[in-house]
C-alpha atoms as a PDB file:
ATOM      1  CA  UNK A   1      40.491 -46.968 -45.034  1.00  0.00           C
ATOM      2  CA  UNK A   2      39.386 -46.843 -48.677  1.00  0.00           C
ATOM      3  CA  UNK A   3      39.757 -43.516 -50.447  1.00  0.00           C
ATOM      4  CA  UNK A   4      36.799 -42.120 -52.335  1.00  0.00           C
ATOM      5  CA  UNK A   5      37.367 -42.134 -56.127  1.00  0.00           C
ATOM      6  CA  UNK A   6      36.602 -38.399 -56.315  1.00  0.00           C
ATOM      7  CA  UNK A   7      39.205 -37.572 -53.657  1.00  0.00           C
ATOM      8  CA  UNK A   8      41.843 -39.701 -55.350  1.00  0.00           C
ATOM      9  CA  UNK A   9      40.967 -38.136 -58.712  1.00  0.00           C
ATOM     10  CA  UNK A  10      41.571 -34.673 -57.264  1.00  0.00           C
ATOM     11  CA  UNK A  11      44.824 -35.811 -55.664  1.00  0.00           C
ATOM     12  CA  UNK A  12      46.199 -37.315 -58.862  1.00  0.00           C
ATOM     13  CA  UNK A  13      45.268 -34.337 -61.039  1.00  0.00           C
ATOM     14  CA  UNK A  14      46.594 -31.742 -58.642  1.00  0.00           C
ATOM     15  CA  UNK A  15      49.901 -31.221 -60.442  1.00  0.00           C
ATOM     16  CA  UNK A  16      48.821 -32.480 -63.845  1.00  0.00           C
ATOM     17  CA  UNK A  17      45.473 -32.253 -65.555  1.00  0.00           C
ATOM     18  CA  UNK A  18      45.635 -35.667 -67.263  1.00  0.00           C
ATOM     19  CA  UNK A  19      45.826 -39.228 -65.905  1.00  0.00           C
ATOM     20  CA  UNK A  20      44.783 -42.628 -67.174  1.00  0.00           C
ATOM     21  CA  UNK A  21      41.872 -44.734 -66.014  1.00  0.00           C
ATOM     22  CA  UNK A  22      44.344 -47.508 -65.253  1.00  0.00           C
ATOM     23  CA  UNK A  23      46.428 -45.206 -63.061  1.00  0.00           C
ATOM     24  CA  UNK A  24      43.378 -44.198 -61.031  1.00  0.00           C
ATOM     25  CA  UNK A  25      42.248 -47.817 -60.665  1.00  0.00           C
ATOM     26  CA  UNK A  26      45.682 -48.897 -59.444  1.00  0.00           C
ATOM     27  CA  UNK A  27      45.725 -46.258 -56.732  1.00  0.00           C
ATOM     28  CA  UNK A  28      42.221 -47.129 -55.558  1.00  0.00           C
ATOM     29  CA  UNK A  29      42.581 -50.922 -55.630  1.00  0.00           C
ATOM     30  CA  UNK A  30      38.961 -51.137 -56.668  1.00  0.00           C
ATOM     31  CA  UNK A  31      36.971 -53.129 -59.226  1.00  0.00           C
ATOM     32  CA  UNK A  32      37.275 -51.455 -62.610  1.00  0.00           C
ATOM     33  CA  UNK A  33      33.588 -51.903 -63.441  1.00  0.00           C
ATOM     34  CA  UNK A  34      32.535 -49.995 -60.311  1.00  0.00           C
ATOM     35  CA  UNK A  35      35.052 -47.252 -61.018  1.00  0.00           C
ATOM     36  CA  UNK A  36      33.949 -47.021 -64.659  1.00  0.00           C
ATOM     37  CA  UNK A  37      30.346 -46.390 -63.589  1.00  0.00           C
ATOM     38  CA  UNK A  38      31.453 -43.688 -61.172  1.00  0.00           C
ATOM     39  CA  UNK A  39      33.515 -41.952 -63.854  1.00  0.00           C
ATOM     40  CA  UNK A  40      30.690 -42.240 -66.365  1.00  0.00           C
ATOM     41  CA  UNK A  41      28.471 -40.295 -63.977  1.00  0.00           C
ATOM     42  CA  UNK A  42      31.147 -37.663 -63.376  1.00  0.00           C
ATOM     43  CA  UNK A  43      31.593 -37.330 -67.132  1.00  0.00           C
ATOM     44  CA  UNK A  44      27.847 -36.865 -67.647  1.00  0.00           C
ATOM     45  CA  UNK A  45      27.919 -34.131 -64.993  1.00  0.00           C
ATOM     46  CA  UNK A  46      30.837 -32.503 -66.855  1.00  0.00           C
ATOM     47  CA  UNK A  47      33.100 -32.789 -63.831  1.00  0.00           C
ATOM     48  CA  UNK A  48      35.697 -34.786 -65.754  1.00  0.00           C
ATOM     49  CA  UNK A  49      36.515 -35.316 -69.422  1.00  0.00           C
ATOM     50  CA  UNK A  50      37.011 -38.946 -70.389  1.00  0.00           C
ATOM     51  CA  UNK A  51      38.164 -40.288 -73.743  1.00  0.00           C
ATOM     52  CA  UNK A  52      39.736 -43.652 -74.588  1.00  0.00           C
ATOM     53  CA  UNK A  53      40.966 -44.250 -71.061  1.00  0.00           C
ATOM     54  CA  UNK A  54      42.349 -40.737 -70.562  1.00  0.00           C
ATOM     55  CA  UNK A  55      40.877 -38.600 -67.791  1.00  0.00           C
ATOM     56  CA  UNK A  56      41.275 -34.821 -67.882  1.00  0.00           C
ATOM     57  CA  UNK A  57      40.183 -32.079 -65.476  1.00  0.00           C
ATOM     58  CA  UNK A  58      40.658 -28.331 -65.714  1.00  0.00           C
ATOM     59  CA  UNK A  59      40.708 -25.941 -62.778  1.00  0.00           C
ATOM     60  CA  UNK A  60      36.996 -25.122 -62.973  1.00  0.00           C
ATOM     61  CA  UNK A  61      36.064 -28.812 -62.949  1.00  0.00           C
ATOM     62  CA  UNK A  62      38.355 -29.527 -60.012  1.00  0.00           C
ATOM     63  CA  UNK A  63      36.908 -26.645 -58.033  1.00  0.00           C
ATOM     64  CA  UNK A  64      33.319 -27.681 -58.772  1.00  0.00           C
ATOM     65  CA  UNK A  65      34.015 -31.247 -57.728  1.00  0.00           C
ATOM     66  CA  UNK A  66      35.718 -30.089 -54.527  1.00  0.00           C
ATOM     67  CA  UNK A  67      32.795 -27.825 -53.679  1.00  0.00           C
ATOM     68  CA  UNK A  68      30.326 -30.645 -54.257  1.00  0.00           C
ATOM     69  CA  UNK A  69      32.268 -33.058 -52.077  1.00  0.00           C
ATOM     70  CA  UNK A  70      32.275 -30.584 -49.198  1.00  0.00           C
ATOM     71  CA  UNK A  71      28.565 -29.921 -49.710  1.00  0.00           C
ATOM     72  CA  UNK A  72      27.889 -33.668 -49.575  1.00  0.00           C
ATOM     73  CA  UNK A  73      29.595 -33.945 -46.202  1.00  0.00           C
ATOM     74  CA  UNK A  74      33.171 -34.948 -46.999  1.00  0.00           C
ATOM     75  CA  UNK A  75      35.836 -33.656 -44.644  1.00  0.00           C
ATOM     76  CA  UNK A  76      36.607 -30.106 -45.873  1.00  0.00           C
ATOM     77  CA  UNK A  77      40.190 -30.282 -44.651  1.00  0.00           C
ATOM     78  CA  UNK A  78      40.772 -33.501 -46.586  1.00  0.00           C
ATOM     79  CA  UNK A  79      39.208 -32.035 -49.710  1.00  0.00           C
ATOM     80  CA  UNK A  80      41.146 -28.775 -49.446  1.00  0.00           C
ATOM     81  CA  UNK A  81      44.458 -30.662 -49.263  1.00  0.00           C
ATOM     82  CA  UNK A  82      43.820 -31.965 -52.785  1.00  0.00           C
ATOM     83  CA  UNK A  83      43.736 -28.426 -54.169  1.00  0.00           C
ATOM     84  CA  UNK A  84      46.557 -26.088 -54.988  1.00  0.00           C
ATOM     85  CA  UNK A  85      46.187 -22.584 -53.514  1.00  0.00           C
ATOM     86  CA  UNK A  86      46.730 -21.178 -56.998  1.00  0.00           C
ATOM     87  CA  UNK A  87      43.536 -22.877 -58.109  1.00  0.00           C
ATOM     88  CA  UNK A  88      41.510 -20.739 -55.727  1.00  0.00           C
ATOM     89  CA  UNK A  89      42.986 -17.590 -57.216  1.00  0.00           C
ATOM     90  CA  UNK A  90      42.611 -18.756 -60.804  1.00  0.00           C
ATOM     91  CA  UNK A  91      39.037 -19.895 -60.308  1.00  0.00           C
ATOM     92  CA  UNK A  92      38.100 -16.699 -58.473  1.00  0.00           C
ATOM     93  CA  UNK A  93      39.772 -14.509 -61.073  1.00  0.00           C
ATOM     94  CA  UNK A  94      38.006 -16.233 -63.960  1.00  0.00           C
ATOM     95  CA  UNK A  95      34.651 -16.008 -62.179  1.00  0.00           C
ATOM     96  CA  UNK A  96      35.117 -12.314 -61.517  1.00  0.00           C
ATOM     97  CA  UNK A  97      36.151 -11.546 -65.087  1.00  0.00           C
ATOM     98  CA  UNK A  98      33.183 -13.473 -66.482  1.00  0.00           C
ATOM     99  CA  UNK A  99      30.965 -11.264 -64.353  1.00  0.00           C
ATOM    100  CA  UNK A 100      32.285  -7.936 -65.557  1.00  0.00           C
ATOM    101  CA  UNK A 101      35.215  -7.352 -63.195  1.00  0.00           C
ATOM    102  CA  UNK A 102      38.757  -6.440 -64.074  1.00  0.00           C
ATOM    103  CA  UNK A 103      41.366  -8.254 -62.009  1.00  0.00           C
ATOM    104  CA  UNK A 104      44.999  -8.153 -60.992  1.00  0.00           C
ATOM    105  CA  UNK A 105      46.671 -11.114 -59.282  1.00  0.00           C
ATOM    106  CA  UNK A 106      49.546 -11.104 -56.821  1.00  0.00           C
ATOM    107  CA  UNK A 107      49.725  -7.365 -56.344  1.00  0.00           C
ATOM    108  CA  UNK A 108      52.992  -6.832 -54.489  1.00  0.00           C
ATOM    109  CA  UNK A 109      53.851  -3.370 -53.220  1.00  0.00           C
ATOM    110  CA  UNK A 110      55.736  -1.459 -50.569  1.00  0.00           C
ATOM    111  CA  UNK A 111      53.992   0.421 -47.817  1.00  0.00           C
ATOM    112  CA  UNK A 112      55.255   2.593 -44.994  1.00  0.00           C
ATOM    113  CA  UNK A 113      55.512  -0.466 -42.766  1.00  0.00           C
ATOM    114  CA  UNK A 114      56.958  -2.941 -45.246  1.00  0.00           C
ATOM    115  CA  UNK A 115      56.202  -5.145 -48.220  1.00  0.00           C
ATOM    116  CA  UNK A 116      52.597  -6.209 -48.784  1.00  0.00           C
ATOM    117  CA  UNK A 117      50.889  -8.632 -51.163  1.00  0.00           C
ATOM    118  CA  UNK A 118      47.283  -8.837 -52.303  1.00  0.00           C
ATOM    119  CA  UNK A 119      46.191 -12.203 -53.708  1.00  0.00           C
ATOM    120  CA  UNK A 120      43.549 -10.746 -55.972  1.00  0.00           C
ATOM    121  CA  UNK A 121      42.382  -7.217 -56.715  1.00  0.00           C
ATOM    122  CA  UNK A 122      39.047  -6.974 -58.531  1.00  0.00           C
ATOM    123  CA  UNK A 123      37.001  -3.977 -59.589  1.00  0.00           C
ATOM    124  CA  UNK A 124      34.069  -2.805 -61.661  1.00  0.00           C
ATOM    125  CA  UNK A 125      32.244   0.523 -61.708  1.00  0.00           C
ATOM    126  CA  UNK A 126      30.930   0.151 -58.150  1.00  0.00           C
ATOM    127  CA  UNK A 127      33.144  -2.321 -56.261  1.00  0.00           C
ATOM    128  CA  UNK A 128      36.858  -2.507 -55.535  1.00  0.00           C
ATOM    129  CA  UNK A 129      37.570  -5.802 -53.771  1.00  0.00           C
ATOM    130  CA  UNK A 130      40.823  -6.680 -52.011  1.00  0.00           C
ATOM    131  CA  UNK A 131      40.635 -10.473 -51.854  1.00  0.00           C
ATOM    132  CA  UNK A 132      42.643 -12.915 -49.764  1.00  0.00           C
ATOM    133  CA  UNK A 133      42.318 -16.504 -51.057  1.00  0.00           C
ATOM    134  CA  UNK A 134      42.592 -18.796 -48.040  1.00  0.00           C
ATOM    135  CA  UNK A 135      43.389 -22.480 -48.446  1.00  0.00           C
ATOM    136  CA  UNK A 136      41.237 -23.536 -45.540  1.00  0.00           C
ATOM    137  CA  UNK A 137      37.626 -24.329 -44.906  1.00  0.00           C
ATOM    138  CA  UNK A 138      35.207 -24.540 -42.006  1.00  0.00           C
ATOM    139  CA  UNK A 139      36.352 -25.096 -38.468  1.00  0.00           C
ATOM    140  CA  UNK A 140      38.214 -21.812 -38.115  1.00  0.00           C
ATOM    141  CA  UNK A 141      37.863 -20.425 -34.596  1.00  0.00           C
ATOM    142  CA  UNK A 142      36.426 -16.958 -34.162  1.00  0.00           C
ATOM    143  CA  UNK A 143      39.710 -15.671 -32.737  1.00  0.00           C
ATOM    144  CA  UNK A 144      41.632 -16.959 -35.762  1.00  0.00           C
ATOM    145  CA  UNK A 145      38.968 -15.611 -38.129  1.00  0.00           C
ATOM    146  CA  UNK A 146      39.359 -12.194 -36.520  1.00  0.00           C
ATOM    147  CA  UNK A 147      43.134 -12.328 -36.993  1.00  0.00           C
ATOM    148  CA  UNK A 148      42.719 -13.197 -40.666  1.00  0.00           C
ATOM    149  CA  UNK A 149      40.097 -10.485 -41.175  1.00  0.00           C
ATOM    150  CA  UNK A 150      42.170  -7.826 -39.431  1.00  0.00           C
ATOM    151  CA  UNK A 151      45.248  -8.744 -41.461  1.00  0.00           C
ATOM    152  CA  UNK A 152      43.258  -8.235 -44.642  1.00  0.00           C
ATOM    153  CA  UNK A 153      41.964  -4.898 -43.390  1.00  0.00           C
ATOM    154  CA  UNK A 154      45.556  -3.794 -42.803  1.00  0.00           C
ATOM    155  CA  UNK A 155      46.548  -4.846 -46.331  1.00  0.00           C
ATOM    156  CA  UNK A 156      43.622  -2.891 -47.741  1.00  0.00           C
ATOM    157  CA  UNK A 157      44.567   0.162 -45.688  1.00  0.00           C
ATOM    158  CA  UNK A 158      48.123  -0.031 -47.002  1.00  0.00           C
ATOM    159  CA  UNK A 159      46.866  -0.319 -50.574  1.00  0.00           C
ATOM    160  CA  UNK A 160      44.544   2.647 -50.032  1.00  0.00           C
ATOM    161  CA  UNK A 161      47.699   4.744 -49.592  1.00  0.00           C
ATOM    162  CA  UNK A 162      48.985   3.667 -53.002  1.00  0.00           C
ATOM    163  CA  UNK A 163      46.713   5.530 -55.409  1.00  0.00           C
ATOM    164  CA  UNK A 164      49.611   5.579 -57.861  1.00  0.00           C
ATOM    165  CA  UNK A 165      49.664   1.782 -57.918  1.00  0.00           C
ATOM    166  CA  UNK A 166      45.893   1.531 -58.347  1.00  0.00           C
ATOM    167  CA  UNK A 167      46.054   3.905 -61.310  1.00  0.00           C
ATOM    168  CA  UNK A 168      48.853   1.897 -62.910  1.00  0.00           C
ATOM    169  CA  UNK A 169      46.756  -1.223 -62.552  1.00  0.00           C
ATOM    170  CA  UNK A 170      43.962   0.479 -64.465  1.00  0.00           C
ATOM    171  CA  UNK A 171      41.518   1.261 -61.666  1.00  0.00           C
ATOM    172  CA  UNK A 172      39.459   4.230 -62.818  1.00  0.00           C
ATOM    173  CA  UNK A 173      38.151   7.082 -60.684  1.00  0.00           C
ATOM    174  CA  UNK A 174      40.532   6.134 -57.882  1.00  0.00           C
ATOM    175  CA  UNK A 175      40.001   9.339 -55.932  1.00  0.00           C
ATOM    176  CA  UNK A 176      36.407   8.372 -55.143  1.00  0.00           C
ATOM    177  CA  UNK A 177      36.943   4.669 -54.550  1.00  0.00           C
ATOM    178  CA  UNK A 178      36.502   2.529 -51.435  1.00  0.00           C
ATOM    179  CA  UNK A 179      38.410  -0.706 -50.912  1.00  0.00           C
ATOM    180  CA  UNK A 180      36.468  -3.677 -49.528  1.00  0.00           C
ATOM    181  CA  UNK A 181      38.668  -6.303 -47.813  1.00  0.00           C
ATOM    182  CA  UNK A 182      37.295  -9.784 -48.545  1.00  0.00           C
ATOM    183  CA  UNK A 183      38.253 -13.367 -47.664  1.00  0.00           C
ATOM    184  CA  UNK A 184      37.606 -16.255 -50.060  1.00  0.00           C
ATOM    185  CA  UNK A 185      37.641 -19.864 -48.804  1.00  0.00           C
ATOM    186  CA  UNK A 186      36.576 -23.345 -49.894  1.00  0.00           C
ATOM    187  CA  UNK A 187      33.349 -23.974 -48.000  1.00  0.00           C
ATOM    188  CA  UNK A 188      30.662 -22.140 -46.091  1.00  0.00           C
ATOM    189  CA  UNK A 189      32.293 -20.462 -43.056  1.00  0.00           C
ATOM    190  CA  UNK A 190      30.841 -20.411 -39.557  1.00  0.00           C
ATOM    191  CA  UNK A 191      30.395 -16.649 -39.822  1.00  0.00           C
ATOM    192  CA  UNK A 192      29.913 -14.827 -43.102  1.00  0.00           C
ATOM    193  CA  UNK A 193      31.106 -11.483 -41.763  1.00  0.00           C
ATOM    194  CA  UNK A 194      33.846 -11.039 -39.157  1.00  0.00           C
ATOM    195  CA  UNK A 195      34.663  -7.526 -37.959  1.00  0.00           C
ATOM    196  CA  UNK A 196      33.123  -6.101 -41.091  1.00  0.00           C
ATOM    197  CA  UNK A 197      35.042  -8.378 -43.459  1.00  0.00           C
ATOM    198  CA  UNK A 198      32.959 -10.777 -45.585  1.00  0.00           C
ATOM    199  CA  UNK A 199      34.174 -14.385 -45.639  1.00  0.00           C
ATOM    200  CA  UNK A 200      32.862 -15.959 -48.834  1.00  0.00           C
ATOM    201  CA  UNK A 201      32.760 -19.602 -49.886  1.00  0.00           C
ATOM    202  CA  UNK A 202      33.930 -20.188 -53.456  1.00  0.00           C
ATOM    203  CA  UNK A 203      30.523 -21.636 -54.344  1.00  0.00           C
ATOM    204  CA  UNK A 204      28.842 -18.425 -53.154  1.00  0.00           C
ATOM    205  CA  UNK A 205      31.184 -15.986 -54.891  1.00  0.00           C
ATOM    206  CA  UNK A 206      28.818 -15.080 -57.726  1.00  0.00           C
ATOM    207  CA  UNK A 207      25.803 -14.565 -55.463  1.00  0.00           C
ATOM    208  CA  UNK A 208      28.030 -12.450 -53.212  1.00  0.00           C
ATOM    209  CA  UNK A 209      29.087 -10.264 -56.140  1.00  0.00           C
ATOM    210  CA  UNK A 210      25.504  -9.590 -57.146  1.00  0.00           C
ATOM    211  CA  UNK A 211      24.268  -9.091 -53.597  1.00  0.00           C
ATOM    212  CA  UNK A 212      26.959  -6.983 -51.971  1.00  0.00           C
ATOM    213  CA  UNK A 213      26.684  -3.207 -51.814  1.00  0.00           C
ATOM    214  CA  UNK A 214      29.549  -0.753 -51.313  1.00  0.00           C
ATOM    215  CA  UNK A 215      27.128   1.220 -49.145  1.00  0.00           C
ATOM    216  CA  UNK A 216      26.522  -1.653 -46.703  1.00  0.00           C
ATOM    217  CA  UNK A 217      27.304  -0.220 -43.274  1.00  0.00           C
ATOM    218  CA  UNK A 218      28.001  -3.709 -41.905  1.00  0.00           C
ATOM    219  CA  UNK A 219      31.007  -4.142 -44.177  1.00  0.00           C
ATOM    220  CA  UNK A 220      34.375  -2.419 -43.987  1.00  0.00           C
ATOM    221  CA  UNK A 221      34.986   0.175 -46.684  1.00  0.00           C
ATOM    222  CA  UNK A 222      38.370   1.869 -46.778  1.00  0.00           C
ATOM    223  CA  UNK A 223      38.617   5.088 -48.797  1.00  0.00           C
ATOM    224  CA  UNK A 224      41.498   5.548 -51.199  1.00  0.00           C
ATOM    225  CA  UNK A 225      43.689   8.412 -50.034  1.00  0.00           C
ATOM    226  CA  UNK A 226      44.101  10.786 -53.003  1.00  0.00           C
ATOM    227  CA  UNK A 227      46.724  12.792 -51.112  1.00  0.00           C
ATOM    228  CA  UNK A 228      49.017   9.856 -50.342  1.00  0.00           C
ATOM    229  CA  UNK A 229      52.550  10.553 -51.433  1.00  0.00           C
ATOM    230  CA  UNK A 230      53.713   7.045 -52.280  1.00  0.00           C
ATOM    231  CA  UNK A 231      54.966   7.580 -55.804  1.00  0.00           C
ATOM    232  CA  UNK A 232      58.557   6.742 -54.786  1.00  0.00           C
ATOM    233  CA  UNK A 233      57.519   3.257 -53.642  1.00  0.00           C
ATOM    234  CA  UNK A 234      57.285   0.314 -56.032  1.00  0.00           C
END
């Protein structure tokens, strides 16, 4: 079965952001004229940078191309395998910062029941998001979605007991904050909210940020505990 040029392009640039036109053509076993026309279109759409036979893609371009492929009907699981999980976090972090959020990645801390890790913590004056970047797409069963959502709620609850950590990270007005557990994935999920936890496609992240309210009663909001005595934990 012939691989789509876009899929192969994502595969080959996964661990390096630069390849040659010749390298791509060799992997695809396709006519170079056909491939050149395809790449010309991708270049015009600013999904790839092409110059003198060198093809380059940054994280934002790779994510946009992946999103488009899923939207056009390509197998989401196949597309997601071409992406590194770090790309989700990097892309999400950059998007959040460009829209007025402060962020902290890979927040590792101890809680009363063990070590916890938050993929991405993001906050502005009104929202404090505890984000789990999932390297999967549609097709998740409701039971599995509930497990993922509940696990993120538990992480958020543990972080809510670490006001000292939030302050060190630079979160202001911690005493009056509410944490919102959130899941970020590649494509549109079957359900956008599971047990009060929003599940957001990467392509919908910005619209989510501008549409979500910390006062939404349908979404989980976990208050920071100002009395938590966790200062001895790291």
